[in-house]
PDB file of all heavy atoms in Angstrom:
ATOM      1  N   VAL A   1     105.236 103.485 122.190  1.00  0.00           N
ATOM      2  CA  VAL A   1     106.443 104.282 122.476  1.00  0.00           C
ATOM      3  C   VAL A   1     107.102 103.766 123.778  1.00  0.00           C
ATOM      4  O   VAL A   1     108.328 103.601 123.869  1.00  0.00           O
ATOM      5  CB  VAL A   1     106.091 105.779 122.616  1.00  0.00           C
ATOM      6  CG1 VAL A   1     107.312 106.562 123.018  1.00  0.00           C
ATOM      7  CG2 VAL A   1     105.565 106.299 121.285  1.00  0.00           C
ATOM      8  N   GLU A   2     106.279 103.543 124.770  1.00  0.00           N
ATOM      9  CA  GLU A   2     106.822 103.063 126.071  1.00  0.00           C
ATOM     10  C   GLU A   2     107.477 101.684 125.938  1.00  0.00           C
ATOM     11  O   GLU A   2     108.535 101.413 126.505  1.00  0.00           O
ATOM     12  CB  GLU A   2     105.697 103.037 127.107  1.00  0.00           C
ATOM     13  CG  GLU A   2     105.233 104.435 127.472  1.00  0.00           C
ATOM     14  CD  GLU A   2     103.971 104.379 128.365  1.00  0.00           C
ATOM     15  OE1 GLU A   2     103.535 103.276 128.672  1.00  0.00           O
ATOM     16  OE2 GLU A   2     103.501 105.469 128.763  1.00  0.00           O
ATOM     17  N   VAL A   3     106.846 100.773 125.140  1.00  0.00           N
ATOM     18  CA  VAL A   3     107.443  99.488 124.929  1.00  0.00           C
ATOM     19  C   VAL A   3     108.769  99.601 124.218  1.00  0.00           C
ATOM     20  O   VAL A   3     109.729  98.919 124.535  1.00  0.00           O
ATOM     21  CB  VAL A   3     106.468  98.563 124.169  1.00  0.00           C
ATOM     22  CG1 VAL A   3     107.184  97.325 123.656  1.00  0.00           C
ATOM     23  CG2 VAL A   3     105.297  98.139 125.075  1.00  0.00           C
ATOM     24  N   ARG A   4     108.837 100.480 123.200  1.00  0.00           N
ATOM     25  CA  ARG A   4     110.069 100.696 122.535  1.00  0.00           C
ATOM     26  C   ARG A   4     111.178 101.175 123.401  1.00  0.00           C
ATOM     27  O   ARG A   4     112.330 100.759 123.312  1.00  0.00           O
ATOM     28  CB  ARG A   4     109.848 101.696 121.368  1.00  0.00           C
ATOM     29  CG  ARG A   4     109.239 101.104 120.128  1.00  0.00           C
ATOM     30  CD  ARG A   4     110.117 100.062 119.542  1.00  0.00           C
ATOM     31  NE  ARG A   4     109.721  99.664 118.212  1.00  0.00           N
ATOM     32  CZ  ARG A   4     110.222  98.641 117.563  1.00  0.00           C
ATOM     33  NH1 ARG A   4     111.153  97.916 118.111  1.00  0.00           N
ATOM     34  NH2 ARG A   4     109.808  98.331 116.348  1.00  0.00           N
ATOM     35  N   GLU A   5     110.825 102.077 124.330  1.00  0.00           N
ATOM     36  CA  GLU A   5     111.821 102.626 125.256  1.00  0.00           C
ATOM     37  C   GLU A   5     112.353 101.490 126.183  1.00  0.00           C
ATOM     38  O   GLU A   5     113.552 101.434 126.474  1.00  0.00           O
ATOM     39  CB  GLU A   5     111.226 103.755 126.052  1.00  0.00           C
ATOM     40  CG  GLU A   5     110.957 104.994 125.192  1.00  0.00           C
ATOM     41  CD  GLU A   5     110.252 106.070 125.976  1.00  0.00           C
ATOM     42  OE1 GLU A   5     109.702 105.763 127.097  1.00  0.00           O
ATOM     43  OE2 GLU A   5     110.190 107.196 125.474  1.00  0.00           O
ATOM     44  N   ARG A   6     111.453 100.604 126.608  1.00  0.00           N
ATOM     45  CA  ARG A   6     111.895  99.482 127.423  1.00  0.00           C
ATOM     46  C   ARG A   6     112.757  98.505 126.621  1.00  0.00           C
ATOM     47  O   ARG A   6     113.726  97.953 127.133  1.00  0.00           O
ATOM     48  CB  ARG A   6     110.673  98.741 127.971  1.00  0.00           C
ATOM     49  CG  ARG A   6     109.876  99.595 128.971  1.00  0.00           C
ATOM     50  CD  ARG A   6     108.561  98.940 129.337  1.00  0.00           C
ATOM     51  NE  ARG A   6     108.777  97.690 130.047  1.00  0.00           N
ATOM     52  CZ  ARG A   6     107.739  96.931 130.492  1.00  0.00           C
ATOM     53  NH1 ARG A   6     106.523  97.282 130.213  1.00  0.00           N
ATOM     54  NH2 ARG A   6     108.002  95.803 131.118  1.00  0.00           N
ATOM     55  N   MET A   7     112.424  98.325 125.339  1.00  0.00           N
ATOM     56  CA  MET A   7     113.249  97.476 124.474  1.00  0.00           C
ATOM     57  C   MET A   7     114.652  98.063 124.307  1.00  0.00           C
ATOM     58  O   MET A   7     115.666  97.324 124.318  1.00  0.00           O
ATOM     59  CB  MET A   7     112.550  97.284 123.139  1.00  0.00           C
ATOM     60  CG  MET A   7     111.305  96.478 123.159  1.00  0.00           C
ATOM     61  SD  MET A   7     110.374  96.463 121.637  1.00  0.00           S
ATOM     62  CE  MET A   7     111.545  95.646 120.546  1.00  0.00           C
ATOM     63  N   GLU A   8     114.721  99.396 124.156  1.00  0.00           N
ATOM     64  CA  GLU A   8     116.044 100.050 123.983  1.00  0.00           C
ATOM     65  C   GLU A   8     116.863  99.849 125.267  1.00  0.00           C
ATOM     66  O   GLU A   8     118.068  99.632 125.197  1.00  0.00           O
ATOM     67  CB  GLU A   8     115.817 101.514 123.703  1.00  0.00           C
ATOM     68  CG  GLU A   8     115.228 101.848 122.350  1.00  0.00           C
ATOM     69  CD  GLU A   8     114.965 103.336 122.220  1.00  0.00           C
ATOM     70  OE1 GLU A   8     115.921 104.100 122.553  1.00  0.00           O
ATOM     71  OE2 GLU A   8     113.898 103.726 121.762  1.00  0.00           O
ATOM     72  N   ALA A   9     116.187  99.905 126.413  1.00  0.00           N
ATOM     73  CA  ALA A   9     116.871  99.800 127.660  1.00  0.00           C
ATOM     74  C   ALA A   9     117.534  98.435 127.884  1.00  0.00           C
ATOM     75  O   ALA A   9     118.627  98.329 128.421  1.00  0.00           O
ATOM     76  CB  ALA A   9     115.943 100.142 128.831  1.00  0.00           C
ATOM     77  N   VAL A  10     116.829  97.365 127.473  1.00  0.00           N
ATOM     78  CA  VAL A  10     117.348  96.025 127.741  1.00  0.00           C
ATOM     79  C   VAL A  10     118.101  95.485 126.505  1.00  0.00           C
ATOM     80  O   VAL A  10     118.811  94.462 126.614  1.00  0.00           O
ATOM     81  CB  VAL A  10     116.222  95.048 128.111  1.00  0.00           C
ATOM     82  CG1 VAL A  10     115.488  95.551 129.377  1.00  0.00           C
ATOM     83  CG2 VAL A  10     115.224  94.893 126.955  1.00  0.00           C
ATOM     84  N   GLY A  11     117.926  96.111 125.339  1.00  0.00           N
ATOM     85  CA  GLY A  11     118.616  95.647 124.149  1.00  0.00           C
ATOM     86  C   GLY A  11     117.733  94.709 123.333  1.00  0.00           C
ATOM     87  O   GLY A  11     117.108  93.788 123.912  1.00  0.00           O
ATOM     88  N   LEU A  12     117.666  94.925 122.021  1.00  0.00           N
ATOM     89  CA  LEU A  12     116.772  94.151 121.174  1.00  0.00           C
ATOM     90  C   LEU A  12     117.055  92.643 121.215  1.00  0.00           C
ATOM     91  O   LEU A  12     116.078  91.883 121.197  1.00  0.00           O
ATOM     92  CB  LEU A  12     116.884  94.677 119.725  1.00  0.00           C
ATOM     93  CG  LEU A  12     115.940  94.069 118.718  1.00  0.00           C
ATOM     94  CD1 LEU A  12     114.487  94.379 119.102  1.00  0.00           C
ATOM     95  CD2 LEU A  12     116.220  94.588 117.327  1.00  0.00           C
ATOM     96  N   PRO A  13     118.317  92.205 121.287  1.00  0.00           N
ATOM     97  CA  PRO A  13     118.538  90.744 121.380  1.00  0.00           C
ATOM     98  C   PRO A  13     117.908  90.084 122.586  1.00  0.00           C
ATOM     99  O   PRO A  13     117.742  88.875 122.601  1.00  0.00           O
ATOM    100  CB  PRO A  13     120.057  90.625 121.391  1.00  0.00           C
ATOM    101  CG  PRO A  13     120.551  91.886 120.768  1.00  0.00           C
ATOM    102  CD  PRO A  13     119.594  92.936 121.204  1.00  0.00           C
ATOM    103  N   ASN A  14     117.592  90.847 123.610  1.00  0.00           N
ATOM    104  CA  ASN A  14     117.011  90.336 124.808  1.00  0.00           C
ATOM    105  C   ASN A  14     115.473  90.450 124.854  1.00  0.00           C
ATOM    106  O   ASN A  14     114.838  90.274 125.878  1.00  0.00           O
ATOM    107  CB  ASN A  14     117.563  91.018 126.041  1.00  0.00           C
ATOM    108  CG  ASN A  14     119.095  90.866 126.131  1.00  0.00           C
ATOM    109  OD1 ASN A  14     119.600  89.770 125.965  1.00  0.00           O
ATOM    110  ND2 ASN A  14     119.774  91.965 126.408  1.00  0.00           N
ATOM    111  N   CYS A  15     114.888  90.734 123.673  1.00  0.00           N
ATOM    112  CA  CYS A  15     113.437  90.917 123.566  1.00  0.00           C
ATOM    113  C   CYS A  15     112.872  89.857 122.633  1.00  0.00           C
ATOM    114  O   CYS A  15     113.502  89.436 121.653  1.00  0.00           O
ATOM    115  CB  CYS A  15     113.101  92.297 123.063  1.00  0.00           C
ATOM    116  SG  CYS A  15     113.679  93.630 124.119  1.00  0.00           S
ATOM    117  N   ALA A  16     111.653  89.439 122.899  1.00  0.00           N
ATOM    118  CA  ALA A  16     111.005  88.451 122.032  1.00  0.00           C
ATOM    119  C   ALA A  16     109.503  88.584 122.200  1.00  0.00           C
ATOM    120  O   ALA A  16     108.969  89.045 123.226  1.00  0.00           O
ATOM    121  CB  ALA A  16     111.434  87.046 122.452  1.00  0.00           C
ATOM    122  N   VAL A  17     108.764  88.161 121.114  1.00  0.00           N
ATOM    123  CA  VAL A  17     107.332  88.061 121.184  1.00  0.00           C
ATOM    124  C   VAL A  17     106.990  86.630 121.555  1.00  0.00           C
ATOM    125  O   VAL A  17     107.306  85.696 120.772  1.00  0.00           O
ATOM    126  CB  VAL A  17     106.681  88.414 119.823  1.00  0.00           C
ATOM    127  CG1 VAL A  17     105.200  88.196 119.892  1.00  0.00           C
ATOM    128  CG2 VAL A  17     107.003  89.867 119.474  1.00  0.00           C
ATOM    129  N   THR A  18     106.436  86.386 122.727  1.00  0.00           N
ATOM    130  CA  THR A  18     106.152  85.066 123.188  1.00  0.00           C
ATOM    131  C   THR A  18     104.780  84.518 122.755  1.00  0.00           C
ATOM    132  O   THR A  18     104.538  83.344 122.790  1.00  0.00           O
ATOM    133  CB  THR A  18     106.291  84.980 124.696  1.00  0.00           C
ATOM    134  OG1 THR A  18     105.395  85.947 125.300  1.00  0.00           O
ATOM    135  CG2 THR A  18     107.717  85.326 125.132  1.00  0.00           C
ATOM    136  N   ALA A  19     103.846  85.430 122.417  1.00  0.00           N
ATOM    137  CA  ALA A  19     102.541  85.013 121.935  1.00  0.00           C
ATOM    138  C   ALA A  19     101.937  86.118 121.058  1.00  0.00           C
ATOM    139  O   ALA A  19     102.124  87.309 121.388  1.00  0.00           O
ATOM    140  CB  ALA A  19     101.596  84.717 123.111  1.00  0.00           C
ATOM    141  N   PHE A  20     101.292  85.706 120.034  1.00  0.00           N
ATOM    142  CA  PHE A  20     100.661  86.652 119.094  1.00  0.00           C
ATOM    143  C   PHE A  20      99.195  86.253 118.878  1.00  0.00           C
ATOM    144  O   PHE A  20      98.906  85.150 118.367  1.00  0.00           O
ATOM    145  CB  PHE A  20     101.409  86.594 117.773  1.00  0.00           C
ATOM    146  CG  PHE A  20     100.913  87.500 116.711  1.00  0.00           C
ATOM    147  CD1 PHE A  20     100.757  88.884 116.913  1.00  0.00           C
ATOM    148  CD2 PHE A  20     100.490  86.985 115.472  1.00  0.00           C
ATOM    149  CE1 PHE A  20     100.250  89.686 115.918  1.00  0.00           C
ATOM    150  CE2 PHE A  20      99.994  87.796 114.475  1.00  0.00           C
ATOM    151  CZ  PHE A  20      99.858  89.181 114.675  1.00  0.00           C
ATOM    152  N   HIS A  21      98.312  87.148 119.283  1.00  0.00           N
ATOM    153  CA  HIS A  21      96.877  86.947 119.088  1.00  0.00           C
ATOM    154  C   HIS A  21      96.376  87.957 118.073  1.00  0.00           C
ATOM    155  O   HIS A  21      96.674  89.141 118.160  1.00  0.00           O
ATOM    156  CB  HIS A  21      96.115  87.135 120.402  1.00  0.00           C
ATOM    157  CG  HIS A  21      96.702  86.301 121.524  1.00  0.00           C
ATOM    158  ND1 HIS A  21      96.366  84.997 121.738  1.00  0.00           N
ATOM    159  CD2 HIS A  21      97.580  86.631 122.515  1.00  0.00           C
ATOM    160  CE1 HIS A  21      97.003  84.545 122.797  1.00  0.00           C
ATOM    161  NE2 HIS A  21      97.768  85.508 123.278  1.00  0.00           N
ATOM    162  N   SER A  22      95.625  87.466 117.087  1.00  0.00           N
ATOM    163  CA  SER A  22      95.291  88.319 115.944  1.00  0.00           C
ATOM    164  C   SER A  22      93.844  88.091 115.512  1.00  0.00           C
ATOM    165  O   SER A  22      93.309  86.978 115.523  1.00  0.00           O
ATOM    166  CB  SER A  22      96.222  87.989 114.797  1.00  0.00           C
ATOM    167  OG  SER A  22      95.840  88.677 113.591  1.00  0.00           O
ATOM    168  N   ARG A  23      93.190  89.206 115.087  1.00  0.00           N
ATOM    169  CA  ARG A  23      91.865  89.095 114.441  1.00  0.00           C
ATOM    170  C   ARG A  23      92.005  88.606 113.014  1.00  0.00           C
ATOM    171  O   ARG A  23      90.975  88.359 112.400  1.00  0.00           O
ATOM    172  CB  ARG A  23      91.185  90.458 114.469  1.00  0.00           C
ATOM    173  CG  ARG A  23      90.548  90.820 115.865  1.00  0.00           C
ATOM    174  CD  ARG A  23      89.602  91.976 115.722  1.00  0.00           C
ATOM    175  NE  ARG A  23      88.460  91.668 114.876  1.00  0.00           N
ATOM    176  CZ  ARG A  23      87.483  92.510 114.613  1.00  0.00           C
ATOM    177  NH1 ARG A  23      87.550  93.738 115.117  1.00  0.00           N
ATOM    178  NH2 ARG A  23      86.485  92.173 113.841  1.00  0.00           N
ATOM    179  N   VAL A  24      93.211  88.512 112.526  1.00  0.00           N
ATOM    180  CA  VAL A  24      93.446  88.039 111.155  1.00  0.00           C
ATOM    181  C   VAL A  24      94.357  86.827 111.262  1.00  0.00           C
ATOM    182  O   VAL A  24      95.596  86.904 111.200  1.00  0.00           O
ATOM    183  CB  VAL A  24      94.160  89.129 110.301  1.00  0.00           C
ATOM    184  CG1 VAL A  24      94.244  88.704 108.843  1.00  0.00           C
ATOM    185  CG2 VAL A  24      93.351  90.430 110.393  1.00  0.00           C
ATOM    186  N   PRO A  25      93.800  85.645 111.443  1.00  0.00           N
ATOM    187  CA  PRO A  25      94.619  84.424 111.691  1.00  0.00           C
ATOM    188  C   PRO A  25      95.456  84.049 110.487  1.00  0.00           C
ATOM    189  O   PRO A  25      96.356  83.208 110.623  1.00  0.00           O
ATOM    190  CB  PRO A  25      93.592  83.340 111.995  1.00  0.00           C
ATOM    191  CG  PRO A  25      92.283  83.833 111.390  1.00  0.00           C
ATOM    192  CD  PRO A  25      92.358  85.314 111.505  1.00  0.00           C
ATOM    193  N   GLN A  26      95.150  84.617 109.315  1.00  0.00           N
ATOM    194  CA  GLN A  26      95.977  84.245 108.133  1.00  0.00           C
ATOM    195  C   GLN A  26      97.379  84.894 108.201  1.00  0.00           C
ATOM    196  O   GLN A  26      98.255  84.504 107.434  1.00  0.00           O
ATOM    197  CB  GLN A  26      95.278  84.730 106.863  1.00  0.00           C
ATOM    198  CG  GLN A  26      93.999  84.045 106.524  1.00  0.00           C
ATOM    199  CD  GLN A  26      92.844  84.507 107.415  1.00  0.00           C
ATOM    200  OE1 GLN A  26      92.872  85.542 108.025  1.00  0.00           O
ATOM    201  NE2 GLN A  26      91.763  83.676 107.406  1.00  0.00           N
ATOM    202  N   LEU A  27      97.615  85.827 109.090  1.00  0.00           N
ATOM    203  CA  LEU A  27      98.961  86.442 109.206  1.00  0.00           C
ATOM    204  C   LEU A  27      99.786  85.539 110.099  1.00  0.00           C
ATOM    205  O   LEU A  27      99.438  85.294 111.272  1.00  0.00           O
ATOM    206  CB  LEU A  27      98.843  87.833 109.822  1.00  0.00           C
ATOM    207  CG  LEU A  27      98.029  88.854 109.028  1.00  0.00           C
ATOM    208  CD1 LEU A  27      97.980  90.181 109.785  1.00  0.00           C
ATOM    209  CD2 LEU A  27      98.645  89.091 107.639  1.00  0.00           C
ATOM    210  N   PRO A  28     100.930  85.055 109.598  1.00  0.00           N
ATOM    211  CA  PRO A  28     101.748  84.167 110.392  1.00  0.00           C
ATOM    212  C   PRO A  28     102.278  84.834 111.668  1.00  0.00           C
ATOM    213  O   PRO A  28     102.684  85.970 111.664  1.00  0.00           O
ATOM    214  CB  PRO A  28     102.925  83.792 109.452  1.00  0.00           C
ATOM    215  CG  PRO A  28     102.429  84.140 108.094  1.00  0.00           C
ATOM    216  CD  PRO A  28     101.500  85.299 108.254  1.00  0.00           C
ATOM    217  N   ALA A  29     102.313  84.067 112.760  1.00  0.00           N
ATOM    218  CA  ALA A  29     102.830  84.583 113.996  1.00  0.00           C
ATOM    219  C   ALA A  29     104.302  84.916 113.904  1.00  0.00           C
ATOM    220  O   ALA A  29     104.794  85.761 114.592  1.00  0.00           O
ATOM    221  CB  ALA A  29     102.618  83.559 115.127  1.00  0.00           C
ATOM    222  N   ALA A  30     105.007  84.260 112.954  1.00  0.00           N
ATOM    223  CA  ALA A  30     106.429  84.510 112.760  1.00  0.00           C
ATOM    224  C   ALA A  30     106.691  85.904 112.294  1.00  0.00           C
ATOM    225  O   ALA A  30     107.857  86.395 112.425  1.00  0.00           O
ATOM    226  CB  ALA A  30     107.010  83.486 111.766  1.00  0.00           C
ATOM    227  N   TRP A  31     105.702  86.583 111.742  1.00  0.00           N
ATOM    228  CA  TRP A  31     105.892  87.951 111.288  1.00  0.00           C
ATOM    229  C   TRP A  31     105.850  88.955 112.449  1.00  0.00           C
ATOM    230  O   TRP A  31     106.263  90.095 112.281  1.00  0.00           O
ATOM    231  CB  TRP A  31     104.831  88.340 110.278  1.00  0.00           C
ATOM    232  CG  TRP A  31     104.975  87.645 108.986  1.00  0.00           C
ATOM    233  CD1 TRP A  31     105.953  86.780 108.590  1.00  0.00           C
ATOM    234  CD2 TRP A  31     104.096  87.799 107.838  1.00  0.00           C
ATOM    235  NE1 TRP A  31     105.723  86.336 107.318  1.00  0.00           N
ATOM    236  CE2 TRP A  31     104.615  86.916 106.845  1.00  0.00           C
ATOM    237  CE3 TRP A  31     102.949  88.514 107.579  1.00  0.00           C
ATOM    238  CZ2 TRP A  31     103.991  86.803 105.548  1.00  0.00           C
ATOM    239  CZ3 TRP A  31     102.344  88.390 106.377  1.00  0.00           C
ATOM    240  CH2 TRP A  31     102.847  87.548 105.352  1.00  0.00           C
ATOM    241  N   ALA A  32     105.380  88.519 113.597  1.00  0.00           N
ATOM    242  CA  ALA A  32     105.269  89.387 114.758  1.00  0.00           C
ATOM    243  C   ALA A  32     106.578  89.273 115.553  1.00  0.00           C
ATOM    244  O   ALA A  32     106.761  88.414 116.407  1.00  0.00           O
ATOM    245  CB  ALA A  32     104.107  89.010 115.636  1.00  0.00           C
ATOM    246  N   THR A  33     107.513  90.155 115.255  1.00  0.00           N
ATOM    247  CA  THR A  33     108.807  90.168 115.910  1.00  0.00           C
ATOM    248  C   THR A  33     109.024  91.556 116.565  1.00  0.00           C
ATOM    249  O   THR A  33     108.392  92.552 116.149  1.00  0.00           O
ATOM    250  CB  THR A  33     109.943  89.885 114.937  1.00  0.00           C
ATOM    251  OG1 THR A  33     109.967  90.897 113.959  1.00  0.00           O
ATOM    252  CG2 THR A  33     109.730  88.532 114.250  1.00  0.00           C
ATOM    253  N   PRO A  34     109.896  91.651 117.507  1.00  0.00           N
ATOM    254  CA  PRO A  34     110.175  92.990 118.131  1.00  0.00           C
ATOM    255  C   PRO A  34     110.554  94.022 117.089  1.00  0.00           C
ATOM    256  O   PRO A  34     110.238  95.199 117.220  1.00  0.00           O
ATOM    257  CB  PRO A  34     111.307  92.712 119.096  1.00  0.00           C
ATOM    258  CG  PRO A  34     111.151  91.237 119.486  1.00  0.00           C
ATOM    259  CD  PRO A  34     110.659  90.600 118.207  1.00  0.00           C
ATOM    260  N   GLU A  35     111.278  93.634 116.011  1.00  0.00           N
ATOM    261  CA  GLU A  35     111.740  94.556 115.028  1.00  0.00           C
ATOM    262  C   GLU A  35     110.583  95.147 114.142  1.00  0.00           C
ATOM    263  O   GLU A  35     110.717  96.156 113.566  1.00  0.00           O
ATOM    264  CB  GLU A  35     112.768  93.888 114.109  1.00  0.00           C
ATOM    265  CG  GLU A  35     114.041  93.415 114.789  1.00  0.00           C
ATOM    266  CD  GLU A  35     113.890  91.979 115.256  1.00  0.00           C
ATOM    267  OE1 GLU A  35     112.741  91.470 115.326  1.00  0.00           O
ATOM    268  OE2 GLU A  35     114.899  91.369 115.566  1.00  0.00           O
ATOM    269  N   ARG A  36     109.475  94.394 114.122  1.00  0.00           N
ATOM    270  CA  ARG A  36     108.367  94.762 113.206  1.00  0.00           C
ATOM    271  C   ARG A  36     107.147  95.339 113.939  1.00  0.00           C
ATOM    272  O   ARG A  36     106.083  95.380 113.339  1.00  0.00           O
ATOM    273  CB  ARG A  36     107.948  93.566 112.385  1.00  0.00           C
ATOM    274  CG  ARG A  36     109.038  92.876 111.576  1.00  0.00           C
ATOM    275  CD  ARG A  36     109.939  93.815 110.775  1.00  0.00           C
ATOM    276  NE  ARG A  36     109.239  94.723 109.882  1.00  0.00           N
ATOM    277  CZ  ARG A  36     108.807  94.400 108.653  1.00  0.00           C
ATOM    278  NH1 ARG A  36     109.043  93.174 108.167  1.00  0.00           N
ATOM    279  NH2 ARG A  36     108.171  95.244 107.886  1.00  0.00           N
ATOM    280  N   LEU A  37     107.304  95.737 115.156  1.00  0.00           N
ATOM    281  CA  LEU A  37     106.163  96.285 115.874  1.00  0.00           C
ATOM    282  C   LEU A  37     105.578  97.532 115.207  1.00  0.00           C
ATOM    283  O   LEU A  37     104.342  97.674 115.165  1.00  0.00           O
ATOM    284  CB  LEU A  37     106.531  96.644 117.326  1.00  0.00           C
ATOM    285  CG  LEU A  37     106.943  95.477 118.213  1.00  0.00           C
ATOM    286  CD1 LEU A  37     107.146  95.993 119.677  1.00  0.00           C
ATOM    287  CD2 LEU A  37     105.844  94.354 118.247  1.00  0.00           C
ATOM    288  N   ASP A  38     106.434  98.320 114.614  1.00  0.00           N
ATOM    289  CA  ASP A  38     105.958  99.530 113.935  1.00  0.00           C
ATOM    290  C   ASP A  38     105.064  99.185 112.721  1.00  0.00           C
ATOM    291  O   ASP A  38     103.978  99.738 112.558  1.00  0.00           O
ATOM    292  CB  ASP A  38     107.118 100.374 113.448  1.00  0.00           C
ATOM    293  CG  ASP A  38     108.154 100.597 114.547  1.00  0.00           C
ATOM    294  OD1 ASP A  38     107.735 100.664 115.702  1.00  0.00           O
ATOM    295  OD2 ASP A  38     109.330 100.737 114.225  1.00  0.00           O
ATOM    296  N   THR A  39     105.530  98.254 111.937  1.00  0.00           N
ATOM    297  CA  THR A  39     104.764  97.847 110.772  1.00  0.00           C
ATOM    298  C   THR A  39     103.437  97.196 111.176  1.00  0.00           C
ATOM    299  O   THR A  39     102.391  97.432 110.611  1.00  0.00           O
ATOM    300  CB  THR A  39     105.569  96.880 109.905  1.00  0.00           C
ATOM    301  OG1 THR A  39     106.821  97.449 109.609  1.00  0.00           O
ATOM    302  CG2 THR A  39     104.827  96.550 108.610  1.00  0.00           C
ATOM    303  N   LEU A  40     103.489  96.334 112.180  1.00  0.00           N
ATOM    304  CA  LEU A  40     102.253  95.732 112.713  1.00  0.00           C
ATOM    305  C   LEU A  40     101.255  96.820 113.184  1.00  0.00           C
ATOM    306  O   LEU A  40     100.060  96.694 112.979  1.00  0.00           O
ATOM    307  CB  LEU A  40     102.587  94.763 113.873  1.00  0.00           C
ATOM    308  CG  LEU A  40     102.972  93.359 113.500  1.00  0.00           C
ATOM    309  CD1 LEU A  40     103.414  92.587 114.783  1.00  0.00           C
ATOM    310  CD2 LEU A  40     101.815  92.617 112.828  1.00  0.00           C
ATOM    311  N   ASN A  41     101.820  97.833 113.812  1.00  0.00           N
ATOM    312  CA  ASN A  41     100.937  98.875 114.318  1.00  0.00           C
ATOM    313  C   ASN A  41     100.266  99.622 113.170  1.00  0.00           C
ATOM    314  O   ASN A  41      99.073  99.956 113.220  1.00  0.00           O
ATOM    315  CB  ASN A  41     101.734  99.893 115.196  1.00  0.00           C
ATOM    316  CG  ASN A  41     100.834 100.767 116.038  1.00  0.00           C
ATOM    317  OD1 ASN A  41      99.920 100.268 116.671  1.00  0.00           O
ATOM    318  ND2 ASN A  41     101.095 102.047 116.001  1.00  0.00           N
TER     319      ASN A  41
END
């Protein structure tokens, strides 16, 4: 929730996922985007 609020404050176009670490390496890092944080969660 706090990350989402910070994203709202700066605007989604100014947000990016710079690194994605996963216990499931078969999931592409490209799927980890600011827009999909909810689904990832």
